Amino acid sequence: MNRRNFMQSTGAWLLALASPGFRHSATAMTSGAGPSPGSDNPVSLFLCGDVMTGRGIDQVLPHPGDPQLHEPYLKSALGYVEIAEAANGPIPRPVNFAYIWGDALRVLGNRAPDLRIINLETSITTSDEFWPHKGINYRMHPNNTPVINTAGIDCCVLANNHVLDWGHPGLEETLDTLYKAGLQTAGAGYNCEQARAPAIFDLGEKGRVIVFSLASVTSGVPQAWAAAKDRPGINFIAELSSEAVNEIADQVRALKQAGDIAVMSIHWGGNWGYEVPGEQREFAHQLIDKAGIDVIHGHSSHHPKGIEVYRNKAIIYGCGDFINDYEGITGHESYRGDLSLMYFLDVDPASGSLLGMEIVPHQVRKFRLNQASEQDEAWLRKTLHREGRHLNARVELTGDGLLVLRWQ
């Protein structure tokens, strides 16, 4: 049975095959909040921002696709490899599937989170039907999909502004490919019902995690990408309104059971700038107050933004990019877009409250995630602390290079 028939006949999502990864001891999470009931058995989540394994990244992987682009400045994805190499030296080709994750693989194995969620910001396709006038064309060859499995990723959220860069055929092939790879998705589908459907993960005694995904027009998503009754697309939201919250609340109420943790993954806002618009804060608060969302996983910004803890629920307004091929591209250097963050959350399944958050910084060099330097760790602490002060959160730097979130 193919993915389309499976979705239409059951409305369910295939449970991903988790990778055991590597294991060694991890620092226990701490926070400024006291323990909640059930906190002796928390659910551990790994979240990160945009994972873009297409274009230049695709060209260094074992099965590079057609490098042709339809962008105003570069017509070949190989140009992005050349820019990165000019900045930091030669990149071996082909690299193995573990290469781009670099030091992050050790961290993932060290912590062994219950669930690993990424925003996959590329189409996985051989389609040549690029979206007209889009300006950017991200795609990865389907045979390179093991690069996602290598990191033990469980959930790929797809409601973003690049998953349809190669048209509706490209999206359909992306969905088919991820399904065959045993990966759950949220935020896109063959029709609007499937695009709205969350990914649901049963963690046994720890209950379930329900992952919803949507994309806001504020992140540059064309409205034409919205899924329809008879058309594939993404879960698109035109306004961050109370009406939208009410619709989400109805959906959450229909699914959420006692002990479930509800995650809302949102692609919203521009690429640069630390300001969190008032409409985003209000929308996030309403999702928690009215819709029963426990964790808000925000992304789109090319750099990390402030974190808020609202009623003991975590709101990450912008995770920042995690993996991409932007290395060597100049402009906006003050935001340090070369720094990538891994967010590890402990959440109480009884209440959905945040029990602790630790953030592990990396730097992208030669298309690989490398442990950040002490200077970069200190810069990130200062930046996140500054941006979180008015959001009821502060960030401390531990002696072993971890950024720890504290709140009242």
Protein backbone atom coordinates (compact mmCIF):
# COMPACT_ATOMS: atom_id res chain seq x y z
CA MET A 1 0.00 0.00 0.00
CA ASN A 2 1.49 3.37 -0.96
CA ARG A 3 1.46 6.43 1.24
CA ARG A 4 -1.48 8.09 -0.49
CA ASN A 5 -3.74 5.04 -0.07
CA PHE A 6 -2.56 4.49 3.49
CA MET A 7 -3.41 8.07 4.44
CA GLN A 8 -6.78 7.98 2.75
CA SER A 9 -7.82 4.66 4.26
CA THR A 10 -6.65 5.15 7.84
CA GLY A 11 -5.92 8.85 8.43
CA ALA A 12 -2.97 7.69 10.55
CA TRP A 13 0.74 8.28 10.26
CA LEU A 14 3.42 5.59 10.24
CA LEU A 15 5.35 5.50 13.50
CA ALA A 16 8.98 6.33 12.77
CA LEU A 17 11.77 3.88 13.41
CA ALA A 18 13.92 5.47 16.10
CA SER A 19 17.65 5.17 15.89
CA PRO A 20 19.36 4.22 19.15
CA GLY A 21 22.31 6.46 18.27
CA PHE A 22 25.27 6.60 20.61
CA ARG A 23 24.88 6.70 24.38
CA HIS A 24 26.89 8.19 27.17
CA SER A 25 26.13 10.24 30.25
CA ALA A 26 24.32 13.58 29.97
CA THR A 27 24.00 16.51 32.31
CA ALA A 28 20.65 16.56 34.12
CA MET A 29 18.38 19.42 33.16
CA THR A 30 17.62 22.12 35.66
CA SER A 31 15.44 25.20 35.60
CA GLY A 32 14.18 28.03 37.68
CA ALA A 33 10.87 26.24 38.18
CA GLY A 34 10.12 23.63 40.82
CA PRO A 35 9.27 20.05 39.88
CA SER A 36 5.72 19.21 38.84
CA PRO A 37 3.73 16.01 39.42
CA GLY A 38 5.02 13.30 37.14
CA SER A 39 8.33 15.07 36.63
CA ASP A 40 10.26 11.97 37.75
CA ASN A 41 9.56 10.54 34.28
CA PRO A 42 9.69 13.49 31.87
CA VAL A 43 9.41 13.37 28.11
CA SER A 44 12.63 14.53 26.49
CA LEU A 45 12.40 16.36 23.17
CA PHE A 46 15.04 17.42 20.68
CA LEU A 47 14.08 20.44 18.59
CA CYS A 48 16.06 22.47 16.09
CA GLY A 49 15.44 24.99 13.37
CA ASP A 50 15.67 24.70 9.61
CA VAL A 51 17.41 21.61 8.24
CA MET A 52 18.15 22.31 4.57
CA THR A 53 19.84 19.29 3.03
CA GLY A 54 19.25 20.35 -0.56
CA ARG A 55 21.11 22.39 -3.15
CA GLY A 56 24.80 22.62 -2.15
CA ILE A 57 24.47 20.03 0.62
CA ASP A 58 22.88 17.60 -1.84
CA GLN A 59 25.84 18.03 -4.19
CA VAL A 60 28.36 16.70 -1.64
CA LEU A 61 26.20 13.74 -0.52
CA PRO A 62 26.58 10.27 -2.11
CA HIS A 63 23.78 10.75 -4.68
CA PRO A 64 23.78 14.35 -5.94
CA GLY A 65 20.84 15.35 -8.09
CA ASP A 66 20.69 17.64 -11.09
CA PRO A 67 22.43 20.84 -9.90
CA GLN A 68 20.42 23.13 -12.18
CA LEU A 69 18.84 26.09 -10.39
CA HIS A 70 16.51 28.88 -11.50
CA GLU A 71 17.79 31.54 -9.14
CA PRO A 72 18.75 35.08 -10.16
CA TYR A 73 22.41 34.81 -9.08
CA LEU A 74 23.40 31.16 -9.42
CA LYS A 75 22.27 28.60 -11.97
CA SER A 76 24.02 25.61 -10.43
CA ALA A 77 23.90 24.22 -6.88
CA LEU A 78 27.63 23.54 -7.23
CA GLY A 79 28.14 27.27 -6.91
CA TYR A 80 27.15 27.09 -3.24
CA VAL A 81 29.79 24.41 -2.65
CA GLU A 82 32.39 26.65 -4.27
CA ILE A 83 31.42 29.62 -2.09
CA ALA A 84 31.69 27.54 1.08
CA GLU A 85 35.06 26.13 0.02
CA ALA A 86 36.37 29.61 -0.76
CA ALA A 87 35.49 30.63 2.80
CA ASN A 88 36.76 27.64 4.80
CA GLY A 89 38.63 25.21 2.57
CA PRO A 90 37.89 22.06 0.57
CA ILE A 91 34.87 19.88 1.36
CA PRO A 92 35.41 16.17 0.67
CA ARG A 93 33.16 14.65 -1.99
CA PRO A 94 31.20 12.54 -1.63
CA VAL A 95 30.75 12.67 2.13
CA ASN A 96 28.95 9.91 4.01
CA PHE A 97 25.46 10.45 5.40
CA ALA A 98 26.75 11.14 8.92
CA TYR A 99 29.14 13.88 7.79
CA ILE A 100 26.88 16.94 7.88
CA TRP A 101 25.64 16.15 11.42
CA GLY A 102 29.20 16.15 12.71
CA ASP A 103 29.50 16.61 16.46
CA ALA A 104 25.72 16.82 16.81
CA LEU A 105 25.48 13.03 16.42
CA ARG A 106 27.50 12.50 19.57
CA VAL A 107 25.27 14.91 21.46
CA LEU A 108 22.11 13.18 20.25
CA GLY A 109 23.45 9.82 21.25
CA ASN A 110 24.60 11.20 24.57
CA ARG A 111 21.14 12.44 25.48
CA ALA A 112 19.00 9.89 23.63
CA PRO A 113 15.86 12.08 23.57
CA ASP A 114 12.47 10.41 23.37
CA LEU A 115 11.61 12.32 20.20
CA ARG A 116 13.64 14.17 17.56
CA ILE A 117 11.80 16.87 15.59
CA ILE A 118 13.22 19.00 12.77
CA ASN A 119 11.86 21.54 10.31
CA LEU A 120 12.88 19.95 7.01
CA GLU A 121 13.24 22.90 4.67
CA THR A 122 13.79 21.26 1.32
CA SER A 123 11.94 19.30 -1.30
CA ILE A 124 13.12 15.71 -1.81
CA THR A 125 12.54 15.14 -5.49
CA THR A 126 13.82 14.77 -9.02
CA SER A 127 11.03 17.04 -10.27
CA ASP A 128 12.05 19.82 -12.64
CA GLU A 129 8.79 21.77 -12.20
CA PHE A 130 10.28 24.66 -10.25
CA TRP A 131 7.83 27.13 -8.76
CA PRO A 132 7.79 30.18 -11.07
CA HIS A 133 9.17 33.47 -9.73
CA LYS A 134 10.07 31.85 -6.40
CA GLY A 135 13.72 32.84 -6.66
CA ILE A 136 15.09 29.98 -4.54
CA ASN A 137 15.10 26.28 -5.43
CA TYR A 138 15.91 23.79 -2.67
CA ARG A 139 15.84 20.10 -3.53
CA MET A 140 17.64 16.93 -2.43
CA HIS A 141 17.80 13.72 -4.44
CA PRO A 142 15.54 11.01 -2.94
CA ASN A 143 18.48 8.60 -2.73
CA ASN A 144 20.06 10.95 -0.18
CA THR A 145 17.18 10.54 2.28
CA PRO A 146 19.29 8.31 4.58
CA VAL A 147 21.01 11.52 5.67
CA ILE A 148 17.88 12.19 7.76
CA ASN A 149 17.63 8.65 9.13
CA THR A 150 21.29 8.75 10.15
CA ALA A 151 20.46 11.27 12.87
CA GLY A 152 17.54 9.17 14.11
CA ILE A 153 15.04 11.89 13.25
CA ASP A 154 11.46 10.93 14.12
CA CYS A 155 9.41 13.82 12.75
CA CYS A 156 9.93 16.15 9.79
CA VAL A 157 7.64 19.16 9.91
CA LEU A 158 7.04 20.39 6.37
CA ALA A 159 4.88 23.51 6.65
CA ASN A 160 7.51 25.97 5.46
CA ASN A 161 8.40 28.20 2.51
CA HIS A 162 10.61 25.76 0.58
CA VAL A 163 8.90 22.37 0.51
CA LEU A 164 7.10 23.29 -2.76
CA ASP A 165 10.08 24.91 -4.48
CA TRP A 166 9.76 22.19 -7.15
CA GLY A 167 5.99 22.27 -7.48
CA HIS A 168 3.22 19.93 -6.44
CA PRO A 169 4.96 16.91 -8.02
CA GLY A 170 8.00 17.72 -5.91
CA LEU A 171 5.91 17.83 -2.74
CA GLU A 172 4.18 14.54 -3.56
CA GLU A 173 7.53 12.85 -4.14
CA THR A 174 8.80 14.34 -0.87
CA LEU A 175 5.86 12.84 1.02
CA ASP A 176 6.26 9.47 -0.70
CA THR A 177 10.00 9.39 -0.03
CA LEU A 178 9.75 10.24 3.66
CA TYR A 179 7.00 7.67 4.13
CA LYS A 180 9.11 4.95 2.53
CA ALA A 181 12.00 5.97 4.80
CA GLY A 182 9.83 5.40 7.90
CA LEU A 183 9.66 9.08 8.80
CA GLN A 184 6.53 10.78 10.13
CA THR A 185 5.61 14.20 8.79
CA ALA A 186 3.30 17.03 9.76
CA GLY A 187 2.19 20.19 8.02
CA ALA A 188 1.88 18.95 4.44
CA GLY A 189 -0.23 16.39 2.62
CA TYR A 190 -1.99 15.30 -0.54
CA ASN A 191 -5.02 17.37 0.48
CA CYS A 192 -6.01 19.84 3.19
CA GLU A 193 -7.20 17.17 5.62
CA GLN A 194 -3.87 15.39 5.51
CA ALA A 195 -1.90 18.66 5.66
CA ARG A 196 -3.70 19.56 8.90
CA ALA A 197 -3.23 16.12 10.43
CA PRO A 198 -0.59 15.94 13.18
CA ALA A 199 2.07 13.33 13.66
CA ILE A 200 1.32 11.21 16.74
CA PHE A 201 4.01 9.36 18.69
CA ASP A 202 3.19 6.77 21.33
CA LEU A 203 5.95 6.75 23.98
CA GLY A 204 4.44 3.94 26.02
CA GLU A 205 4.34 4.72 29.74
CA LYS A 206 5.26 8.34 29.00
CA GLY A 207 2.09 8.87 26.98
CA ARG A 208 1.93 10.45 23.54
CA VAL A 209 3.40 13.46 21.78
CA ILE A 210 1.19 15.09 19.15
CA VAL A 211 3.05 17.31 16.66
CA PHE A 212 1.07 19.90 14.72
CA SER A 213 2.67 22.05 12.02
CA LEU A 214 1.60 25.19 10.20
CA ALA A 215 3.19 27.97 8.14
CA SER A 216 2.31 31.64 8.37
CA VAL A 217 2.19 33.99 5.41
CA THR A 218 4.67 36.14 7.37
CA SER A 219 7.46 33.68 6.51
CA GLY A 220 7.07 34.27 2.79
CA VAL A 221 4.89 31.26 2.00
CA PRO A 222 2.81 31.80 -1.16
CA GLN A 223 -0.89 31.43 -0.42
CA ALA A 224 -1.10 29.21 -3.50
CA TRP A 225 0.82 26.60 -1.51
CA ALA A 226 -2.11 26.01 0.82
CA ALA A 227 -3.46 22.49 0.54
CA ALA A 228 -7.00 22.15 -0.79
CA LYS A 229 -9.59 19.40 -0.85
CA ASP A 230 -8.28 18.12 -4.16
CA ARG A 231 -4.75 19.59 -4.20
CA PRO A 232 -1.55 18.80 -2.27
CA GLY A 233 0.02 21.54 -0.22
CA ILE A 234 0.87 22.73 3.25
CA ASN A 235 -1.09 23.69 6.34
CA PHE A 236 -1.18 27.43 5.64
CA ILE A 237 -2.40 30.21 7.91
CA ALA A 238 -3.13 33.65 6.49
CA GLU A 239 -3.60 35.46 9.82
CA LEU A 240 -2.45 34.87 13.38
CA SER A 241 -5.98 35.42 14.59
CA SER A 242 -8.31 34.30 17.37
CA GLU A 243 -10.38 32.52 14.74
CA ALA A 244 -7.35 30.48 13.73
CA VAL A 245 -6.70 29.63 17.39
CA ASN A 246 -10.29 28.43 17.76
CA GLU A 247 -9.93 26.09 14.79
CA ILE A 248 -6.69 24.70 16.20
CA ALA A 249 -8.32 24.31 19.62
CA ASP A 250 -11.10 22.20 18.09
CA GLN A 251 -8.52 19.99 16.43
CA VAL A 252 -6.45 19.59 19.61
CA ARG A 253 -9.50 18.80 21.73
CA ALA A 254 -10.51 16.05 19.33
CA LEU A 255 -7.16 14.30 19.73
CA LYS A 256 -5.47 15.22 23.00
CA GLN A 257 -5.86 12.83 25.91
CA ALA A 258 -4.69 13.00 29.51
CA GLY A 259 -0.92 12.64 29.56
CA ASP A 260 -0.45 13.82 25.97
CA ILE A 261 1.99 16.59 25.09
CA ALA A 262 0.92 18.84 22.19
CA VAL A 263 3.66 20.52 20.14
CA MET A 264 2.90 23.27 17.63
CA SER A 265 5.67 23.78 15.08
CA ILE A 266 5.27 27.13 13.33
CA HIS A 267 7.18 28.63 10.40
CA TRP A 268 6.69 32.37 10.86
CA GLY A 269 8.36 35.75 10.55
CA GLY A 270 11.30 37.05 8.56
CA ASN A 271 14.86 35.82 8.25
CA TRP A 272 16.68 38.53 10.22
CA GLY A 273 16.01 40.56 13.34
CA TYR A 274 15.49 39.76 17.01
CA GLU A 275 12.17 41.52 17.54
CA VAL A 276 9.27 39.23 18.37
CA PRO A 277 6.14 40.87 16.93
CA GLY A 278 3.29 41.41 19.34
CA GLU A 279 0.95 39.35 17.15
CA GLN A 280 3.27 36.35 17.46
CA ARG A 281 3.37 36.59 21.26
CA GLU A 282 -0.39 36.97 21.47
CA PHE A 283 -0.93 34.03 19.12
CA ALA A 284 1.49 31.86 21.07
CA HIS A 285 -0.19 32.75 24.37
CA GLN A 286 -3.62 31.93 22.95
CA LEU A 287 -2.38 28.59 21.65
CA ILE A 288 -1.40 27.75 25.22
CA ASP A 289 -4.41 29.30 26.96
CA LYS A 290 -7.17 28.25 24.56
CA ALA A 291 -5.87 25.44 22.37
CA GLY A 292 -4.02 23.28 24.89
CA ILE A 293 -0.62 23.52 23.19
CA ASP A 294 2.28 22.71 25.52
CA VAL A 295 5.38 23.48 23.40
CA ILE A 296 5.72 26.03 20.62
CA HIS A 297 8.53 25.29 18.17
CA GLY A 298 9.07 28.42 16.09
CA HIS A 299 11.39 28.72 13.10
CA SER A 300 12.14 30.73 9.96
CA SER A 301 14.71 33.19 11.31
CA HIS A 302 18.26 32.46 10.16
CA HIS A 303 19.51 33.02 13.70
CA PRO A 304 18.19 32.16 17.20
CA LYS A 305 15.65 34.49 18.79
CA GLY A 306 14.38 34.92 22.32
CA ILE A 307 12.75 32.14 24.33
CA GLU A 308 9.71 32.65 26.54
CA VAL A 309 8.29 30.53 29.33
CA TYR A 310 4.59 31.38 29.59
CA ARG A 311 2.55 29.65 32.28
CA ASN A 312 5.37 27.12 32.48
CA LYS A 313 5.04 26.31 28.78
CA ALA A 314 8.00 26.72 26.40
CA ILE A 315 7.85 29.14 23.46
CA ILE A 316 10.87 29.15 21.15
CA TYR A 317 10.13 32.04 18.81
CA GLY A 318 12.98 31.29 16.41
CA CYS A 319 15.32 28.31 16.62
CA GLY A 320 17.64 29.65 13.93
CA ASP A 321 18.99 27.64 11.02
CA PHE A 322 20.54 24.28 11.89
CA ILE A 323 21.95 22.89 8.62
CA ASN A 324 22.21 24.78 5.32
CA ASP A 325 24.54 25.69 2.46
CA TYR A 326 24.80 29.42 3.28
CA GLU A 327 28.44 29.16 4.37
CA GLY A 328 30.58 31.91 2.87
CA ILE A 329 27.62 34.08 1.81
CA THR A 330 28.20 37.58 3.16
CA GLY A 331 25.71 39.95 4.75
CA HIS A 332 24.10 40.04 8.20
CA GLU A 333 27.29 38.75 9.83
CA SER A 334 26.37 40.44 13.12
CA TYR A 335 23.62 37.85 13.63
CA ARG A 336 26.11 34.96 13.46
CA GLY A 337 24.01 32.78 11.20
CA ASP A 338 26.88 30.26 11.19
CA LEU A 339 25.98 29.24 14.75
CA SER A 340 23.44 26.44 15.17
CA LEU A 341 21.59 25.39 18.31
CA MET A 342 20.26 22.04 19.56
CA TYR A 343 17.34 22.49 21.98
CA PHE A 344 16.71 19.75 24.54
CA LEU A 345 13.49 20.05 26.53
CA ASP A 346 12.23 18.00 29.45
CA VAL A 347 8.44 18.20 29.63
CA ASP A 348 6.12 16.86 32.31
CA PRO A 349 3.59 14.57 30.59
CA ALA A 350 1.06 15.10 33.39
CA SER A 351 0.82 18.87 32.92
CA GLY A 352 2.77 19.72 29.76
CA SER A 353 4.94 22.04 31.85
CA LEU A 354 8.54 22.70 30.95
CA LEU A 355 10.85 21.14 33.54
CA GLY A 356 14.13 22.11 31.94
CA MET A 357 15.80 23.26 28.74
CA GLU A 358 19.41 22.96 27.74
CA ILE A 359 20.84 24.31 24.51
CA VAL A 360 23.95 22.93 22.82
CA PRO A 361 25.70 25.31 20.38
CA HIS A 362 27.53 24.33 17.21
CA GLN A 363 29.14 26.12 14.30
CA VAL A 364 28.77 25.17 10.64
CA ARG A 365 32.06 24.85 8.79
CA LYS A 366 32.63 22.90 5.58
CA PHE A 367 28.93 21.92 5.63
CA ARG A 368 29.44 20.16 8.98
CA LEU A 369 28.21 20.85 12.52
CA ASN A 370 31.21 21.39 14.79
CA GLN A 371 31.31 22.05 18.52
CA ALA A 372 31.23 25.80 19.10
CA SER A 373 34.20 27.62 20.56
CA GLU A 374 34.16 29.09 24.07
CA GLN A 375 33.97 32.58 22.55
CA ASP A 376 30.94 31.63 20.45
CA GLU A 377 29.25 29.97 23.44
CA ALA A 378 29.73 33.16 25.45
CA TRP A 379 28.36 35.29 22.58
CA LEU A 380 25.28 33.10 22.31
CA ARG A 381 24.66 33.22 26.06
CA LYS A 382 24.85 37.01 26.04
CA THR A 383 22.56 37.28 23.02
CA LEU A 384 19.91 34.81 24.19
CA HIS A 385 20.01 36.26 27.72
CA ARG A 386 19.48 39.77 26.33
CA GLU A 387 16.60 38.70 24.09
CA GLY A 388 14.91 36.63 26.80
CA ARG A 389 14.95 39.11 29.67
CA HIS A 390 11.58 40.63 28.79
CA LEU A 391 10.16 37.16 28.00
CA ASN A 392 10.48 35.76 31.54
CA ALA A 393 13.58 33.74 30.68
CA ARG A 394 17.31 34.07 31.10
CA VAL A 395 20.20 31.97 29.87
CA GLU A 396 23.25 30.83 31.80
CA LEU A 397 26.43 29.24 30.49
CA THR A 398 27.76 26.22 32.36
CA GLY A 399 31.40 25.23 32.62
CA ASP A 400 30.98 22.50 30.01
CA GLY A 401 29.61 24.83 27.35
CA LEU A 402 25.90 24.20 27.81
CA LEU A 403 23.38 27.02 27.71
CA VAL A 404 20.76 26.48 30.42
CA LEU A 405 17.39 28.24 30.43
CA ARG A 406 16.14 29.69 33.74
CA TRP A 407 12.76 31.23 34.43
CA GLN A 408 10.55 32.37 37.29
